[in-house]
Amino acid sequence: MRGERIFAAALGAFGLLWISQALRLRYWGDFAPDSGFLPFWLGVALVLLVAAFLVVSFRVPAQGPVAAGERPAFGRLGAIIGGLIVTLAVLETLGFVVSVGAYLAFLIGAIERRSVVEALGASLATVVAIHVIFRLWLSVPLPAGPWGF
């Protein structure tokens, strides 16, 4: 647990550095957020998440070491990283919505062991929300697949 706290503190310091650098950028343009908006809020989110983790880590008793015979979930981690690599490999070909939606469905269904309805519903809702916010509202180009989305 000590190592996790040290790592979290390092991430928090990185978040503070991120915020300080974002404050050098223009925060708001004439009608919309400018280049400093997203980095600033990502830094704030990182610092808040680190703070929440540290508070919880001091309130919850530490778990003991892994029992003999138990193995860390390296297969699960490998599946997550492998799925991400596949997603990045097909992103330009299949487009953002399809590739990221399939990856999210894989994470929720196969890795988190949720039902097919939950996996497909959550991934569809997420990619539709991202598509609407970034592509339609903010006009940020996302990779489009052969179906135009």
C-alpha atoms as a PDB file:
ATOM      1  CA  MET A   1       0.000   0.000   0.000  1.00  0.00           C
ATOM      2  CA  ARG A   2       2.918   2.329   0.660  1.00  0.00           C
ATOM      3  CA  GLY A   3       4.138   1.983  -2.924  1.00  0.00           C
ATOM      4  CA  GLU A   4       0.657   2.770  -4.234  1.00  0.00           C
ATOM      5  CA  ARG A   5       0.534   5.934  -2.145  1.00  0.00           C
ATOM      6  CA  ILE A   6       3.952   7.039  -3.399  1.00  0.00           C
ATOM      7  CA  PHE A   7       2.890   6.389  -6.985  1.00  0.00           C
ATOM      8  CA  ALA A   8      -0.361   8.281  -6.414  1.00  0.00           C
ATOM      9  CA  ALA A   9       1.554  11.226  -4.946  1.00  0.00           C
ATOM     10  CA  ALA A  10       3.811  11.253  -8.008  1.00  0.00           C
ATOM     11  CA  LEU A  11       0.728  11.273 -10.247  1.00  0.00           C
ATOM     12  CA  GLY A  12      -0.707  14.116  -8.180  1.00  0.00           C
ATOM     13  CA  ALA A  13       2.491  16.097  -8.648  1.00  0.00           C
ATOM     14  CA  PHE A  14       2.287  15.421 -12.366  1.00  0.00           C
ATOM     15  CA  GLY A  15      -1.314  16.663 -12.309  1.00  0.00           C
ATOM     16  CA  LEU A  16      -0.233  19.885 -10.623  1.00  0.00           C
ATOM     17  CA  LEU A  17       2.490  20.340 -13.220  1.00  0.00           C
ATOM     18  CA  TRP A  18      -0.094  19.680 -15.929  1.00  0.00           C
ATOM     19  CA  ILE A  19      -2.383  22.353 -14.467  1.00  0.00           C
ATOM     20  CA  SER A  20       0.434  24.889 -14.224  1.00  0.00           C
ATOM     21  CA  GLN A  21       1.350  24.321 -17.865  1.00  0.00           C
ATOM     22  CA  ALA A  22      -2.283  24.492 -18.967  1.00  0.00           C
ATOM     23  CA  LEU A  23      -2.657  27.868 -17.263  1.00  0.00           C
ATOM     24  CA  ARG A  24      -0.062  29.223 -19.707  1.00  0.00           C
ATOM     25  CA  LEU A  25      -2.382  28.397 -22.594  1.00  0.00           C
ATOM     26  CA  ARG A  26      -5.432  30.364 -23.610  1.00  0.00           C
ATOM     27  CA  TYR A  27      -8.404  29.003 -21.637  1.00  0.00           C
ATOM     28  CA  TRP A  28     -11.353  30.388 -23.607  1.00  0.00           C
ATOM     29  CA  GLY A  29     -11.664  31.567 -27.200  1.00  0.00           C
ATOM     30  CA  ASP A  30     -14.236  33.888 -28.697  1.00  0.00           C
ATOM     31  CA  PHE A  31     -17.079  31.381 -28.617  1.00  0.00           C
ATOM     32  CA  ALA A  32     -15.683  28.113 -27.352  1.00  0.00           C
ATOM     33  CA  PRO A  33     -13.019  26.552 -25.133  1.00  0.00           C
ATOM     34  CA  ASP A  34      -9.494  27.105 -26.356  1.00  0.00           C
ATOM     35  CA  SER A  35      -6.330  25.003 -26.135  1.00  0.00           C
ATOM     36  CA  GLY A  36      -5.913  25.370 -22.355  1.00  0.00           C
ATOM     37  CA  PHE A  37      -9.417  24.259 -21.398  1.00  0.00           C
ATOM     38  CA  LEU A  38      -9.106  20.473 -21.691  1.00  0.00           C
ATOM     39  CA  PRO A  39      -5.572  20.135 -20.265  1.00  0.00           C
ATOM     40  CA  PHE A  40      -6.546  22.269 -17.272  1.00  0.00           C
ATOM     41  CA  TRP A  41      -9.584  20.148 -16.422  1.00  0.00           C
ATOM     42  CA  LEU A  42      -7.732  16.894 -17.032  1.00  0.00           C
ATOM     43  CA  GLY A  43      -5.100  18.045 -14.551  1.00  0.00           C
ATOM     44  CA  VAL A  44      -7.783  19.016 -12.041  1.00  0.00           C
ATOM     45  CA  ALA A  45      -9.473  15.626 -12.473  1.00  0.00           C
ATOM     46  CA  LEU A  46      -6.169  13.828 -11.961  1.00  0.00           C
ATOM     47  CA  VAL A  47      -5.394  15.760  -8.779  1.00  0.00           C
ATOM     48  CA  LEU A  48      -8.912  15.145  -7.420  1.00  0.00           C
ATOM     49  CA  LEU A  49      -8.747  11.423  -8.184  1.00  0.00           C
ATOM     50  CA  VAL A  50      -5.355  11.150  -6.508  1.00  0.00           C
ATOM     51  CA  ALA A  51      -6.671  13.011  -3.463  1.00  0.00           C
ATOM     52  CA  ALA A  52      -9.703  10.708  -3.277  1.00  0.00           C
ATOM     53  CA  PHE A  53      -7.476   7.642  -3.579  1.00  0.00           C
ATOM     54  CA  LEU A  54      -5.165   8.856  -0.830  1.00  0.00           C
ATOM     55  CA  VAL A  55      -8.075   9.600   1.515  1.00  0.00           C
ATOM     56  CA  VAL A  56      -9.565   6.149   0.930  1.00  0.00           C
ATOM     57  CA  SER A  57      -6.185   4.418   1.212  1.00  0.00           C
ATOM     58  CA  PHE A  58      -5.707   5.814   4.711  1.00  0.00           C
ATOM     59  CA  ARG A  59      -9.253   4.996   5.810  1.00  0.00           C
ATOM     60  CA  VAL A  60      -9.496   1.406   4.519  1.00  0.00           C
ATOM     61  CA  PRO A  61      -7.250  -1.167   6.191  1.00  0.00           C
ATOM     62  CA  ALA A  62      -4.569  -2.602   3.936  1.00  0.00           C
ATOM     63  CA  GLN A  63      -5.138  -6.099   2.608  1.00  0.00           C
ATOM     64  CA  GLY A  64      -2.596  -8.740   3.402  1.00  0.00           C
ATOM     65  CA  PRO A  65      -0.192 -10.201   0.875  1.00  0.00           C
ATOM     66  CA  VAL A  66      -1.432 -12.525  -1.846  1.00  0.00           C
ATOM     67  CA  ALA A  67      -1.932 -15.998  -0.428  1.00  0.00           C
ATOM     68  CA  ALA A  68       0.266 -18.847  -1.618  1.00  0.00           C
ATOM     69  CA  GLY A  69      -1.130 -20.428  -4.749  1.00  0.00           C
ATOM     70  CA  GLU A  70      -2.979 -17.282  -5.823  1.00  0.00           C
ATOM     71  CA  ARG A  71      -1.640 -15.584  -8.901  1.00  0.00           C
ATOM     72  CA  PRO A  72      -2.083 -11.999  -9.993  1.00  0.00           C
ATOM     73  CA  ALA A  73      -4.493 -11.521 -12.888  1.00  0.00           C
ATOM     74  CA  PHE A  74      -1.834 -11.137 -15.597  1.00  0.00           C
ATOM     75  CA  GLY A  75      -4.096 -12.825 -18.141  1.00  0.00           C
ATOM     76  CA  ARG A  76      -6.760 -10.214 -17.546  1.00  0.00           C
ATOM     77  CA  LEU A  77      -4.232  -7.403 -17.870  1.00  0.00           C
ATOM     78  CA  GLY A  78      -2.886  -8.968 -21.051  1.00  0.00           C
ATOM     79  CA  ALA A  79      -6.419  -9.146 -22.498  1.00  0.00           C
ATOM     80  CA  ILE A  80      -7.015  -5.466 -21.702  1.00  0.00           C
ATOM     81  CA  ILE A  81      -3.722  -4.369 -23.276  1.00  0.00           C
ATOM     82  CA  GLY A  82      -4.174  -6.721 -26.229  1.00  0.00           C
ATOM     83  CA  GLY A  83      -7.681  -5.388 -26.834  1.00  0.00           C
ATOM     84  CA  LEU A  84      -6.358  -1.839 -26.739  1.00  0.00           C
ATOM     85  CA  ILE A  85      -3.650  -2.683 -29.271  1.00  0.00           C
ATOM     86  CA  VAL A  86      -6.224  -4.248 -31.600  1.00  0.00           C
ATOM     87  CA  THR A  87      -8.487  -1.219 -31.169  1.00  0.00           C
ATOM     88  CA  LEU A  88      -5.681   1.151 -32.104  1.00  0.00           C
ATOM     89  CA  ALA A  89      -4.737  -1.030 -35.071  1.00  0.00           C
ATOM     90  CA  VAL A  90      -8.256  -0.966 -36.562  1.00  0.00           C
ATOM     91  CA  LEU A  91      -9.180   2.590 -35.548  1.00  0.00           C
ATOM     92  CA  GLU A  92      -8.466   4.170 -38.932  1.00  0.00           C
ATOM     93  CA  THR A  93     -10.036   1.295 -40.862  1.00  0.00           C
ATOM     94  CA  LEU A  94     -13.246   0.755 -38.876  1.00  0.00           C
ATOM     95  CA  GLY A  95     -13.590   4.262 -37.467  1.00  0.00           C
ATOM     96  CA  PHE A  96     -13.780   5.575 -33.941  1.00  0.00           C
ATOM     97  CA  VAL A  97     -17.350   4.599 -33.129  1.00  0.00           C
ATOM     98  CA  VAL A  98     -17.070   0.954 -34.203  1.00  0.00           C
ATOM     99  CA  SER A  99     -13.564   0.225 -32.889  1.00  0.00           C
ATOM    100  CA  VAL A 100     -13.935   1.974 -29.533  1.00  0.00           C
ATOM    101  CA  GLY A 101     -17.494   0.680 -29.127  1.00  0.00           C
ATOM    102  CA  ALA A 102     -16.309  -2.891 -29.700  1.00  0.00           C
ATOM    103  CA  TYR A 103     -13.425  -2.418 -27.248  1.00  0.00           C
ATOM    104  CA  LEU A 104     -15.736  -1.040 -24.575  1.00  0.00           C
ATOM    105  CA  ALA A 105     -18.173  -3.905 -25.132  1.00  0.00           C
ATOM    106  CA  PHE A 106     -15.248  -6.323 -24.775  1.00  0.00           C
ATOM    107  CA  LEU A 107     -14.076  -4.675 -21.555  1.00  0.00           C
ATOM    108  CA  ILE A 108     -17.527  -4.591 -20.003  1.00  0.00           C
ATOM    109  CA  GLY A 109     -18.697  -7.995 -21.239  1.00  0.00           C
ATOM    110  CA  ALA A 110     -15.607 -10.193 -21.212  1.00  0.00           C
ATOM    111  CA  ILE A 111     -13.357  -8.545 -18.643  1.00  0.00           C
ATOM    112  CA  GLU A 112     -15.954  -7.271 -16.157  1.00  0.00           C
ATOM    113  CA  ARG A 113     -18.308 -10.204 -16.821  1.00  0.00           C
ATOM    114  CA  ARG A 114     -21.463  -8.153 -17.331  1.00  0.00           C
ATOM    115  CA  SER A 115     -24.423  -9.238 -19.418  1.00  0.00           C
ATOM    116  CA  VAL A 116     -24.493  -8.734 -23.172  1.00  0.00           C
ATOM    117  CA  VAL A 117     -27.264  -6.150 -22.787  1.00  0.00           C
ATOM    118  CA  GLU A 118     -25.224  -4.151 -20.251  1.00  0.00           C
ATOM    119  CA  ALA A 119     -22.040  -4.370 -22.325  1.00  0.00           C
ATOM    120  CA  LEU A 120     -23.682  -3.332 -25.591  1.00  0.00           C
ATOM    121  CA  GLY A 121     -25.862  -0.679 -23.967  1.00  0.00           C
ATOM    122  CA  ALA A 122     -23.033   0.976 -22.062  1.00  0.00           C
ATOM    123  CA  SER A 123     -20.617   0.905 -24.992  1.00  0.00           C
ATOM    124  CA  LEU A 124     -23.231   2.212 -27.423  1.00  0.00           C
ATOM    125  CA  ALA A 125     -24.266   5.008 -25.058  1.00  0.00           C
ATOM    126  CA  THR A 126     -20.624   5.977 -24.504  1.00  0.00           C
ATOM    127  CA  VAL A 127     -19.611   6.139 -28.161  1.00  0.00           C
ATOM    128  CA  VAL A 128     -22.807   7.968 -29.134  1.00  0.00           C
ATOM    129  CA  ALA A 129     -22.191  10.544 -26.384  1.00  0.00           C
ATOM    130  CA  ILE A 130     -18.550  10.979 -27.456  1.00  0.00           C
ATOM    131  CA  HIS A 131     -19.603  11.253 -31.112  1.00  0.00           C
ATOM    132  CA  VAL A 132     -22.252  13.876 -30.341  1.00  0.00           C
ATOM    133  CA  ILE A 133     -20.030  15.933 -28.033  1.00  0.00           C
ATOM    134  CA  PHE A 134     -16.818  15.883 -30.012  1.00  0.00           C
ATOM    135  CA  ARG A 135     -17.822  15.432 -33.637  1.00  0.00           C
ATOM    136  CA  LEU A 136     -21.131  17.271 -33.784  1.00  0.00           C
ATOM    137  CA  TRP A 137     -20.907  19.945 -31.077  1.00  0.00           C
ATOM    138  CA  LEU A 138     -17.178  20.692 -30.990  1.00  0.00           C
ATOM    139  CA  SER A 139     -16.418  19.756 -34.629  1.00  0.00           C
ATOM    140  CA  VAL A 140     -13.442  17.627 -33.621  1.00  0.00           C
ATOM    141  CA  PRO A 141     -12.703  15.162 -36.405  1.00  0.00           C
ATOM    142  CA  LEU A 142     -12.818  11.563 -35.255  1.00  0.00           C
ATOM    143  CA  PRO A 143     -11.677   8.730 -37.519  1.00  0.00           C
ATOM    144  CA  ALA A 144     -14.649   7.704 -39.657  1.00  0.00           C
ATOM    145  CA  GLY A 145     -15.057   4.161 -40.858  1.00  0.00           C
ATOM    146  CA  PRO A 146     -16.494   2.897 -44.120  1.00  0.00           C
ATOM    147  CA  TRP A 147     -20.011   3.632 -42.822  1.00  0.00           C
ATOM    148  CA  GLY A 148     -19.283   7.339 -42.343  1.00  0.00           C
ATOM    149  CA  PHE A 149     -19.167   7.373 -38.528  1.00  0.00           C
END
